[in-house]
Protein backbone atom coordinates (compact mmCIF):
# COMPACT_ATOMS: atom_id res chain seq x y z
CA UNK A 1 -0.03 -0.07 0.04
CA UNK A 2 2.78 2.39 1.12
CA UNK A 3 4.70 1.61 -2.33
CA UNK A 4 1.64 2.27 -4.37
CA UNK A 5 1.07 5.75 -2.60
CA UNK A 6 4.77 6.55 -3.43
CA UNK A 7 4.23 5.71 -6.94
CA UNK A 8 1.05 7.68 -7.15
CA UNK A 9 2.86 10.86 -5.63
CA UNK A 10 5.52 10.45 -8.42
CA UNK A 11 3.12 9.93 -11.39
CA UNK A 12 0.66 12.77 -10.82
CA UNK A 13 2.90 15.64 -11.59
CA UNK A 14 4.08 13.84 -14.81
CA UNK A 15 0.51 13.56 -15.93
CA UNK A 16 0.01 17.26 -15.45
CA UNK A 17 3.14 18.21 -17.32
CA UNK A 18 2.14 16.06 -20.25
CA UNK A 19 -1.16 17.66 -20.47
CA UNK A 20 0.32 21.16 -20.20
CA UNK A 21 3.07 20.61 -22.69
CA UNK A 22 1.79 18.00 -25.03
CA UNK A 23 5.37 17.22 -25.73
CA UNK A 24 5.71 14.34 -28.37
CA UNK A 25 8.45 11.93 -27.63
CA UNK A 26 9.33 11.09 -31.38
CA UNK A 27 7.63 10.41 -34.66
CA UNK A 28 6.71 7.03 -35.84
CA UNK A 29 9.42 7.13 -38.53
CA UNK A 30 12.35 4.81 -38.36
CA UNK A 31 15.45 3.74 -40.23
CA UNK A 32 15.64 0.53 -42.08
CA UNK A 33 17.67 -1.02 -44.81
CA UNK A 34 14.55 -1.98 -46.76
CA UNK A 35 10.97 -1.36 -46.82
CA UNK A 36 9.20 -3.79 -44.33
CA UNK A 37 5.80 -5.05 -45.56
CA UNK A 38 2.76 -4.33 -43.67
CA UNK A 39 -0.05 -5.22 -46.15
CA UNK A 40 -3.19 -7.04 -44.89
CA UNK A 41 -1.78 -10.48 -45.02
CA UNK A 42 -2.45 -11.58 -41.56
CA UNK A 43 -5.14 -13.80 -40.13
CA UNK A 44 -7.99 -11.52 -40.89
CA UNK A 45 -9.62 -9.80 -43.80
CA UNK A 46 -12.34 -7.20 -44.30
CA UNK A 47 -15.85 -8.79 -44.54
CA UNK A 48 -17.71 -5.46 -45.44
CA UNK A 49 -15.04 -3.37 -47.30
CA UNK A 50 -14.58 -1.07 -44.11
CA UNK A 51 -12.62 2.05 -44.66
CA UNK A 52 -10.31 3.28 -41.88
CA UNK A 53 -12.80 5.94 -40.80
CA UNK A 54 -15.76 3.61 -40.76
CA UNK A 55 -17.66 2.95 -37.76
CA UNK A 56 -16.10 0.15 -35.92
CA UNK A 57 -19.39 -1.36 -34.88
CA UNK A 58 -20.22 -2.00 -38.68
CA UNK A 59 -16.87 -3.58 -39.41
CA UNK A 60 -17.01 -7.30 -39.11
CA UNK A 61 -13.75 -9.22 -39.19
CA UNK A 62 -14.09 -12.56 -40.73
CA UNK A 63 -11.14 -14.96 -39.84
CA UNK A 64 -9.40 -16.57 -42.68
CA UNK A 65 -9.17 -20.33 -42.74
CA UNK A 66 -6.33 -21.39 -40.36
CA UNK A 67 -3.24 -22.81 -42.18
CA UNK A 68 -1.19 -25.37 -40.76
CA UNK A 69 1.76 -24.29 -38.71
CA UNK A 70 5.11 -25.39 -37.84
CA UNK A 71 7.63 -24.14 -35.06
CA UNK A 72 10.91 -22.89 -36.06
CA UNK A 73 13.73 -22.10 -33.67
CA UNK A 74 16.25 -19.19 -34.08
CA UNK A 75 18.97 -17.71 -32.01
CA UNK A 76 18.62 -14.21 -30.82
CA UNK A 77 21.38 -11.94 -29.43
CA UNK A 78 20.30 -9.03 -27.31
CA UNK A 79 22.44 -6.42 -25.67
CA UNK A 80 22.18 -3.09 -23.90
CA UNK A 81 25.09 -0.47 -23.56
CA UNK A 82 25.08 2.86 -21.82
CA UNK A 83 27.81 4.51 -23.86
CA UNK A 84 27.98 7.72 -21.62
CA UNK A 85 27.70 10.18 -24.41
CA UNK A 86 30.91 9.16 -25.96
CA UNK A 87 31.00 9.42 -29.66
CA UNK A 88 32.30 6.20 -31.24
CA UNK A 89 35.80 6.52 -32.78
CA UNK A 90 35.87 5.63 -36.43
CA UNK A 91 38.17 2.73 -35.68
CA UNK A 92 36.07 1.27 -32.96
CA UNK A 93 35.97 -2.52 -33.33
CA UNK A 94 32.72 -4.09 -32.09
CA UNK A 95 33.58 -7.60 -33.03
CA UNK A 96 34.39 -8.82 -29.39
CA UNK A 97 30.99 -7.49 -28.39
CA UNK A 98 28.86 -8.84 -31.24
CA UNK A 99 30.80 -11.86 -32.48
CA UNK A 100 31.16 -14.36 -29.70
CA UNK A 101 32.47 -17.65 -31.13
CA UNK A 102 30.78 -19.77 -28.49
CA UNK A 103 27.34 -19.39 -29.75
CA UNK A 104 27.51 -17.26 -32.96
CA UNK A 105 26.45 -16.44 -35.75
CA UNK A 106 22.97 -15.45 -34.70
CA UNK A 107 19.76 -15.13 -36.68
CA UNK A 108 18.55 -11.89 -34.94
CA UNK A 109 20.40 -9.05 -33.25
CA UNK A 110 18.57 -6.69 -30.81
CA UNK A 111 20.89 -3.80 -29.69
CA UNK A 112 19.92 -1.07 -27.35
CA UNK A 113 22.09 2.05 -26.46
CA UNK A 114 21.67 4.72 -23.87
CA UNK A 115 23.30 8.10 -23.91
CA UNK A 116 24.44 7.98 -27.46
CA UNK A 117 24.57 11.78 -27.13
CA UNK A 118 25.31 13.80 -23.99
CA UNK A 119 22.09 14.55 -22.19
CA UNK A 120 22.59 18.31 -22.30
CA UNK A 121 19.70 20.63 -22.43
CA UNK A 122 20.28 21.46 -26.29
CA UNK A 123 20.13 17.69 -27.09
CA UNK A 124 17.02 17.12 -24.88
CA UNK A 125 15.16 20.25 -25.94
CA UNK A 126 16.49 20.61 -29.61
CA UNK A 127 16.00 18.56 -32.75
CA UNK A 128 16.81 14.81 -32.86
CA UNK A 129 20.51 14.17 -32.92
CA UNK A 130 20.71 11.26 -35.24
CA UNK A 131 24.13 11.69 -36.77
CA UNK A 132 25.96 9.88 -33.92
CA UNK A 133 23.24 7.28 -33.97
CA UNK A 134 23.95 6.67 -37.59
CA UNK A 135 27.71 6.40 -36.93
CA UNK A 136 26.83 3.54 -34.37
CA UNK A 137 24.43 1.79 -37.01
CA UNK A 138 27.36 1.73 -39.66
CA UNK A 139 29.63 0.43 -37.27
CA UNK A 140 27.35 -2.37 -36.21
CA UNK A 141 26.76 -3.02 -39.93
CA UNK A 142 30.59 -3.27 -40.50
CA UNK A 143 31.12 -5.66 -37.40
CA UNK A 144 28.16 -7.93 -38.26
CA UNK A 145 28.88 -8.41 -41.94
CA UNK A 146 32.53 -8.69 -41.39
CA UNK A 147 32.14 -11.40 -38.77
CA UNK A 148 29.24 -13.11 -40.71
CA UNK A 149 31.52 -13.50 -43.69
CA UNK A 150 33.78 -15.88 -41.63
CA UNK A 151 30.85 -18.30 -40.95
CA UNK A 152 29.30 -20.72 -43.57
CA UNK A 153 25.93 -19.61 -44.92
CA UNK A 154 24.21 -22.87 -43.51
CA UNK A 155 25.82 -22.46 -40.03
CA UNK A 156 22.55 -20.81 -38.53
CA UNK A 157 19.41 -22.31 -40.14
CA UNK A 158 16.10 -22.21 -38.31
CA UNK A 159 15.08 -25.62 -36.78
CA UNK A 160 11.72 -27.12 -36.19
CA UNK A 161 10.58 -28.06 -32.85
CA UNK A 162 11.90 -31.51 -33.26
CA UNK A 163 15.49 -30.16 -33.55
CA UNK A 164 15.53 -30.85 -37.50
CA UNK A 165 17.46 -28.13 -39.50
CA UNK A 166 15.30 -26.08 -41.76
CA UNK A 167 17.46 -24.11 -44.31
CA UNK A 168 15.43 -21.33 -45.84
CA UNK A 169 15.88 -20.93 -49.60
CA UNK A 170 17.02 -17.43 -50.67
CA UNK A 171 14.85 -15.67 -53.27
CA UNK A 172 15.72 -12.09 -52.91
CA UNK A 173 17.87 -11.48 -55.79
CA UNK A 174 20.80 -9.24 -55.89
CA UNK A 175 23.39 -11.71 -55.48
CA UNK A 176 24.01 -15.39 -54.79
CA UNK A 177 22.43 -17.20 -51.88
CA UNK A 178 25.63 -17.87 -49.94
CA UNK A 179 26.56 -14.17 -49.96
CA UNK A 180 23.04 -13.07 -48.97
CA UNK A 181 22.84 -15.58 -46.07
CA UNK A 182 26.06 -14.22 -44.72
CA UNK A 183 24.84 -10.70 -44.66
CA UNK A 184 22.75 -8.76 -41.96
CA UNK A 185 20.18 -6.29 -42.69
CA UNK A 186 18.63 -3.53 -40.42
CA UNK A 187 14.92 -4.11 -39.92
CA UNK A 188 14.19 -1.13 -37.84
CA UNK A 189 16.14 1.55 -36.02
CA UNK A 190 14.76 4.19 -33.89
CA UNK A 191 16.55 7.16 -31.74
CA UNK A 192 14.90 9.43 -29.07
CA UNK A 193 17.47 11.82 -27.87
CA UNK A 194 19.99 9.44 -26.26
CA UNK A 195 18.30 6.13 -26.52
CA UNK A 196 18.80 4.08 -29.65
CA UNK A 197 17.27 0.74 -30.44
CA UNK A 198 18.21 -1.34 -33.56
CA UNK A 199 17.11 -4.69 -34.74
CA UNK A 200 19.03 -6.72 -37.40
CA UNK A 201 18.17 -10.00 -39.02
CA UNK A 202 20.00 -12.44 -41.41
CA UNK A 203 19.39 -11.19 -45.02
CA UNK A 204 17.74 -14.42 -46.04
CA UNK A 205 15.10 -13.81 -43.18
CA UNK A 206 14.13 -10.27 -44.21
CA UNK A 207 11.26 -11.33 -46.47
CA UNK A 208 9.59 -13.11 -43.45
CA UNK A 209 9.84 -9.82 -41.34
CA UNK A 210 6.72 -7.64 -41.53
CA UNK A 211 4.78 -4.68 -39.83
CA UNK A 212 7.64 -3.04 -38.22
CA UNK A 213 6.57 0.04 -36.15
CA UNK A 214 7.87 2.14 -33.33
CA UNK A 215 6.66 3.99 -30.34
CA UNK A 216 8.51 6.43 -28.01
CA UNK A 217 7.70 7.36 -24.50
CA UNK A 218 9.63 10.18 -22.64
CA UNK A 219 9.81 10.15 -18.98
CA UNK A 220 12.53 12.75 -18.32
CA UNK A 221 12.46 16.30 -17.52
CA UNK A 222 9.02 17.34 -16.27
CA UNK A 223 7.95 13.82 -16.74
CA UNK A 224 7.68 13.88 -20.46
CA UNK A 225 11.14 14.70 -22.13
CA UNK A 226 13.12 12.14 -23.92
CA UNK A 227 16.31 12.26 -21.78
CA UNK A 228 14.79 9.35 -19.93
CA UNK A 229 12.07 6.98 -21.05
CA UNK A 230 11.70 4.07 -23.47
CA UNK A 231 11.83 3.27 -27.36
CA UNK A 232 9.85 0.39 -28.40
CA UNK A 233 9.73 -1.47 -31.75
CA UNK A 234 7.43 -4.26 -32.91
CA UNK A 235 7.68 -6.54 -35.80
CA UNK A 236 6.35 -10.07 -37.00
CA UNK A 237 8.83 -12.79 -37.92
CA UNK A 238 6.72 -15.44 -39.87
CA UNK A 239 3.40 -15.52 -37.78
CA UNK A 240 4.78 -14.57 -34.45
CA UNK A 241 4.93 -10.99 -32.99
CA UNK A 242 7.86 -9.44 -31.30
CA UNK A 243 8.17 -6.32 -29.19
CA UNK A 244 11.50 -5.13 -27.82
CA UNK A 245 11.57 -2.22 -25.35
CA UNK A 246 14.95 -0.08 -24.68
CA UNK A 247 14.73 1.89 -21.48
CA UNK A 248 16.70 4.51 -19.57
CA UNK A 249 15.09 4.90 -16.28
CA UNK A 250 15.48 7.45 -13.59
CA UNK A 251 18.89 7.55 -11.99
CA UNK A 252 20.01 7.99 -8.43
CA UNK A 253 21.04 6.02 -5.22
CA UNK A 254 19.14 8.00 -2.67
CA UNK A 255 16.03 6.93 -0.67
CA UNK A 256 13.09 7.46 -2.92
CA UNK A 257 14.85 7.31 -6.33
CA UNK A 258 13.58 3.63 -6.69
CA UNK A 259 10.03 4.86 -6.85
CA UNK A 260 10.86 7.09 -9.77
CA UNK A 261 12.36 3.97 -11.57
CA UNK A 262 9.11 2.12 -10.91
CA UNK A 263 7.11 5.04 -12.05
CA UNK A 264 9.11 5.32 -15.33
CA UNK A 265 8.72 1.57 -16.03
CA UNK A 266 4.90 1.63 -15.24
CA UNK A 267 4.56 4.85 -17.59
CA UNK A 268 6.46 3.12 -20.37
CA UNK A 269 4.39 0.02 -20.23
CA UNK A 270 1.07 2.05 -19.99
CA UNK A 271 1.72 4.75 -22.65
CA UNK A 272 3.47 2.73 -25.33
CA UNK A 273 1.10 1.95 -28.00
CA UNK A 274 1.35 0.58 -31.78
CA UNK A 275 -1.14 0.89 -34.65
CA UNK A 276 -3.65 -1.87 -34.77
CA UNK A 277 -3.54 -2.06 -38.44
CA UNK A 278 -6.58 -1.62 -40.81
CA UNK A 279 -8.90 -4.77 -40.22
CA UNK A 280 -5.99 -6.74 -38.70
CA UNK A 281 -6.40 -6.21 -34.92
CA UNK A 282 -2.70 -6.26 -34.34
CA UNK A 283 -1.44 -6.11 -30.70
CA UNK A 284 -1.74 -2.59 -29.34
CA UNK A 285 0.26 -2.54 -26.10
CA UNK A 286 3.82 -3.99 -25.36
CA UNK A 287 2.55 -6.93 -23.39
CA UNK A 288 -0.08 -7.94 -26.06
CA UNK A 289 2.80 -9.39 -28.11
CA UNK A 290 3.91 -12.93 -28.29
CA UNK A 291 7.61 -12.41 -27.39
CA UNK A 292 8.75 -9.41 -25.55
CA UNK A 293 12.26 -8.46 -24.54
CA UNK A 294 12.85 -5.29 -22.27
CA UNK A 295 16.52 -4.19 -21.85
CA UNK A 296 18.39 -0.99 -20.95
CA UNK A 297 20.08 1.14 -18.27
CA UNK A 298 17.23 0.43 -15.66
CA UNK A 299 19.30 2.10 -12.93
CA UNK A 300 18.29 -0.07 -10.08
CA UNK A 301 20.81 -0.13 -7.24
CA UNK A 302 21.75 -2.31 -4.36
CA UNK A 303 20.10 -1.55 -0.98
CA UNK A 304 23.03 -1.78 1.15
CA UNK A 305 25.45 0.77 2.65
CA UNK A 306 28.11 1.75 0.03
CA UNK A 307 30.98 0.43 2.12
CA UNK A 308 29.44 -3.01 2.58
CA UNK A 309 28.45 -3.18 -1.11
CA UNK A 310 32.04 -2.49 -2.07
CA UNK A 311 33.42 -5.22 0.21
CA UNK A 312 30.93 -7.77 -1.21
CA UNK A 313 31.84 -6.73 -4.73
CA UNK A 314 35.50 -7.38 -3.84
CA UNK A 315 34.52 -10.76 -2.39
CA UNK A 316 32.52 -11.54 -5.47
CA UNK A 317 29.56 -12.43 -3.22
CA UNK A 318 26.89 -12.03 -5.91
CA UNK A 319 24.32 -14.03 -3.68
CA UNK A 320 24.22 -11.50 -0.99
CA UNK A 321 24.25 -8.50 -3.29
CA UNK A 322 21.39 -9.84 -5.49
CA UNK A 323 19.36 -10.61 -2.29
CA UNK A 324 19.48 -6.80 -1.86
CA UNK A 325 18.99 -5.90 -5.61
CA UNK A 326 16.22 -3.46 -6.14
CA UNK A 327 15.10 -4.85 -9.44
CA UNK A 328 15.10 -8.55 -8.24
CA UNK A 329 12.97 -7.32 -5.47
CA UNK A 330 10.57 -5.50 -7.82
CA UNK A 331 10.24 -8.55 -10.08
CA UNK A 332 9.32 -10.85 -7.34
CA UNK A 333 6.94 -8.42 -5.67
CA UNK A 334 3.31 -9.01 -6.41
CA UNK A 335 1.85 -6.08 -8.15
CA UNK A 336 5.33 -4.55 -8.86
CA UNK A 337 6.15 -2.71 -12.20
CA UNK A 338 7.92 -5.93 -13.32
CA UNK A 339 5.48 -8.63 -12.33
CA UNK A 340 5.59 -11.54 -14.61
CA UNK A 341 8.90 -10.70 -16.07
CA UNK A 342 11.84 -13.09 -16.11
CA UNK A 343 15.61 -12.38 -15.87
CA UNK A 344 18.51 -14.89 -16.11
CA UNK A 345 21.03 -15.79 -13.33
CA UNK A 346 23.65 -12.99 -12.78
CA UNK A 347 27.09 -14.45 -12.39
CA UNK A 348 29.06 -11.28 -13.45
CA UNK A 349 30.44 -8.16 -11.79
CA UNK A 350 28.27 -5.06 -11.44
CA UNK A 351 28.23 -3.12 -14.66
CA UNK A 352 28.30 0.35 -13.17
CA UNK A 353 29.98 2.83 -12.33
CA UNK A 354 33.48 2.71 -13.76
CA UNK A 355 36.30 5.17 -14.57
CA UNK A 356 36.32 5.45 -18.39
CA UNK A 357 39.12 3.26 -19.91
CA UNK A 358 39.75 1.60 -16.60
CA UNK A 359 38.62 -1.46 -14.67
CA UNK A 360 38.30 0.54 -11.31
CA UNK A 361 34.97 1.39 -9.98
CA UNK A 362 34.13 5.02 -9.48
CA UNK A 363 35.00 6.19 -6.00
CA UNK A 364 37.79 3.63 -5.57
CA UNK A 365 40.58 5.97 -6.45
CA UNK A 366 40.66 5.40 -10.22
CA UNK A 367 43.11 3.21 -12.07
CA UNK A 368 45.74 3.76 -9.29
CA UNK A 369 43.27 2.63 -6.45
CA UNK A 370 43.55 4.25 -2.98
CA UNK A 371 39.99 5.18 -1.75
CA UNK A 372 38.43 7.64 -4.23
CA UNK A 373 39.42 11.24 -5.29
CA UNK A 374 38.86 14.37 -3.35
CA UNK A 375 35.51 16.11 -3.96
CA UNK A 376 34.07 13.42 -6.41
CA UNK A 377 30.79 11.90 -5.97
CA UNK A 378 30.84 8.36 -4.58
CA UNK A 379 28.61 5.84 -6.35
CA UNK A 380 28.34 2.31 -5.17
CA UNK A 381 28.73 -0.39 -7.85
CA UNK A 382 25.42 -1.64 -9.11
CA UNK A 383 23.88 -3.89 -11.79
CA UNK A 384 22.17 -1.00 -13.52
CA UNK A 385 22.22 -2.58 -17.08
CA UNK A 386 19.83 -5.44 -17.28
CA UNK A 387 17.86 -7.68 -19.91
CA UNK A 388 14.35 -9.06 -19.05
CA UNK A 389 11.77 -10.90 -21.03
CA UNK A 390 8.38 -12.44 -20.97
CA UNK A 391 6.29 -14.77 -23.05
CA UNK A 392 6.39 -18.43 -23.97
CA UNK A 393 8.81 -19.44 -26.66
CA UNK A 394 11.81 -17.48 -25.26
CA UNK A 395 14.52 -19.64 -23.63
CA UNK A 396 17.85 -17.76 -22.44
CA UNK A 397 20.91 -19.70 -22.94
CA UNK A 398 23.46 -17.17 -21.77
CA UNK A 399 23.58 -13.85 -19.80
CA UNK A 400 26.91 -11.97 -19.41
CA UNK A 401 28.81 -8.79 -19.84
CA UNK A 402 31.38 -7.49 -22.29
CA UNK A 403 34.49 -5.80 -21.01
CA UNK A 404 34.56 -2.74 -23.13
CA UNK A 405 36.04 0.30 -21.49
CA UNK A 406 34.42 3.03 -23.80
CA UNK A 407 32.18 4.39 -21.00
CA UNK A 408 31.28 4.19 -17.43
CA UNK A 409 29.18 1.12 -17.97
CA UNK A 410 29.86 -2.33 -19.20
CA UNK A 411 27.70 -3.80 -22.03
CA UNK A 412 25.34 -6.72 -20.93
CA UNK A 413 24.27 -9.26 -23.40
CA UNK A 414 21.97 -12.19 -23.55
CA UNK A 415 21.28 -15.17 -25.98
CA UNK A 416 17.92 -16.60 -26.43
CA UNK A 417 16.51 -19.60 -28.37
CA UNK A 418 13.31 -18.25 -29.86
CA UNK A 419 10.47 -20.29 -31.01
CA UNK A 420 8.39 -18.77 -34.07
CA UNK A 421 5.26 -20.14 -35.64
CA UNK A 422 5.29 -20.09 -39.45
CA UNK A 423 2.90 -21.62 -41.93
CA UNK A 424 3.88 -25.07 -43.52
CA UNK A 425 3.60 -23.69 -46.89
CA UNK A 426 5.39 -20.32 -46.88
CA UNK A 427 4.45 -19.85 -50.57
CA UNK A 428 0.64 -20.22 -49.99
CA UNK A 429 -0.04 -17.21 -52.25
CA UNK A 430 1.71 -18.70 -55.26
CA UNK A 431 0.12 -22.07 -54.45
CA UNK A 432 -3.35 -20.40 -54.57
CA UNK A 433 -2.74 -18.81 -57.91
CA UNK A 434 -1.65 -22.29 -59.38
CA UNK A 435 -4.61 -24.04 -57.60
CA UNK A 436 -8.23 -24.97 -58.87
CA UNK A 437 -9.45 -22.66 -56.03
CA UNK A 438 -8.16 -19.77 -57.99
CA UNK A 439 -9.69 -20.84 -61.18
CA UNK A 440 -13.11 -21.01 -59.39
CA UNK A 441 -12.64 -17.74 -57.66
CA UNK A 442 -11.64 -15.80 -60.86
CA UNK A 443 -14.52 -13.67 -62.11
CA UNK A 444 -15.69 -13.73 -65.79
CA UNK A 445 -14.19 -10.11 -66.26
CA UNK A 446 -10.82 -11.38 -65.38
CA UNK A 447 -11.21 -14.13 -68.10
CA UNK A 448 -12.14 -11.37 -70.65
CA UNK A 449 -9.11 -9.41 -69.79
CA UNK A 450 -6.87 -12.31 -70.18
CA UNK A 451 -8.47 -13.15 -73.64
CA UNK A 452 -7.81 -9.60 -74.63
CA UNK A 453 -4.23 -9.70 -73.77
CA UNK A 454 -4.78 -6.69 -71.35
CA UNK A 455 -3.10 -8.07 -68.30
CA UNK A 456 -2.28 -4.80 -66.51
CA UNK A 457 -1.81 -5.77 -62.99
CA UNK A 458 -3.91 -2.94 -61.64
CA UNK A 459 -6.81 -3.67 -64.02
CA UNK A 460 -6.61 -7.39 -63.35
CA UNK A 461 -6.52 -7.07 -59.56
CA UNK A 462 -9.71 -4.91 -59.92
CA UNK A 463 -11.59 -7.84 -61.46
CA UNK A 464 -10.73 -10.44 -58.78
């Protein structure tokens, strides 16, 4: 009860600020390597020719006949990294972060960043600063495609539920199948101030990715600006919906700061919405999707005195530290912001806060050690950077951190085996046109056009 009261005290000023300022957190536009299809080819079609503005009560959705499906398995790599406002050097090598030979290569990469630009007022209040974000995207593209070239094209096929390999044929054009299968393409990339979320898939999977869209929620200054908040993307792979959320929640290790983080998380989950799609009844909210991953600098701390926290970190007593971890408590608390979410076992050192280009925690005296520098703020180590998930069909096989020293955070990464539903006949449209059902469904007007030799695709489609 007390916790809910604290959360309400944090939330109501944000609601007032949102109504007063009507600050939009970002457009629905996003960056991608190719146009992602979002035509009406899902499980519903219009029964009465309803327009987008028609009365919903008059629009009847008629389910299409259900196709037989099969379950495919893919490997998904997810990672979060607060880069501390440090612009990436042109020669920055991301291979150690993205290309781990133990499990790679992967079918899908989900990469979230925080503070890709410094969180100064001009960046928060001004126009989107996407130039640095694009540099990160190009570095990712270079690292993925350089590392993928060293793996055989058939090394990462999808598998069905029985473990049998399913190598998908490549019919994309623009090069041989081997070359295409070794490449990765950006499905969707979206930046809101310092938060950047980007999703990549194997090039031979891109034709199975549909209906990508984005949604941004700001929770920062005045409870609505984008220096803190969440960027969410959703897409379909075959017949399974995915939603990925990249968050940067309220910072601070003082009493009461945890309530602000909980309020941020609650607000992101409540305010994030996606278009339903004309006559498709697509998932509207984050938790409506089949597979959901939430990652980012969640900023949760360890509820112990700083001196004791540092001592336990030196002893690598992760068990005691995690028993006092704020996020673990929030996940296990009934009615908490993260009720129903899962997280893997943590067996790595806290990821925050380091001196840049050092392995020394902030406040420990820097690279030379010795008890901290005079006048500097002391911040106890914490697992601020986390990856959570929910939904059946997601199985985490790895959870660790990477040792990049670029910023005051260490990247955290996870590997998942993902189950995806797919039609048994992925070429059902082609099969329909070759079948007797098409002959029976074709109108006399279509036959007349074919006899006259007038087979303009637009005119022919009008007759069906």
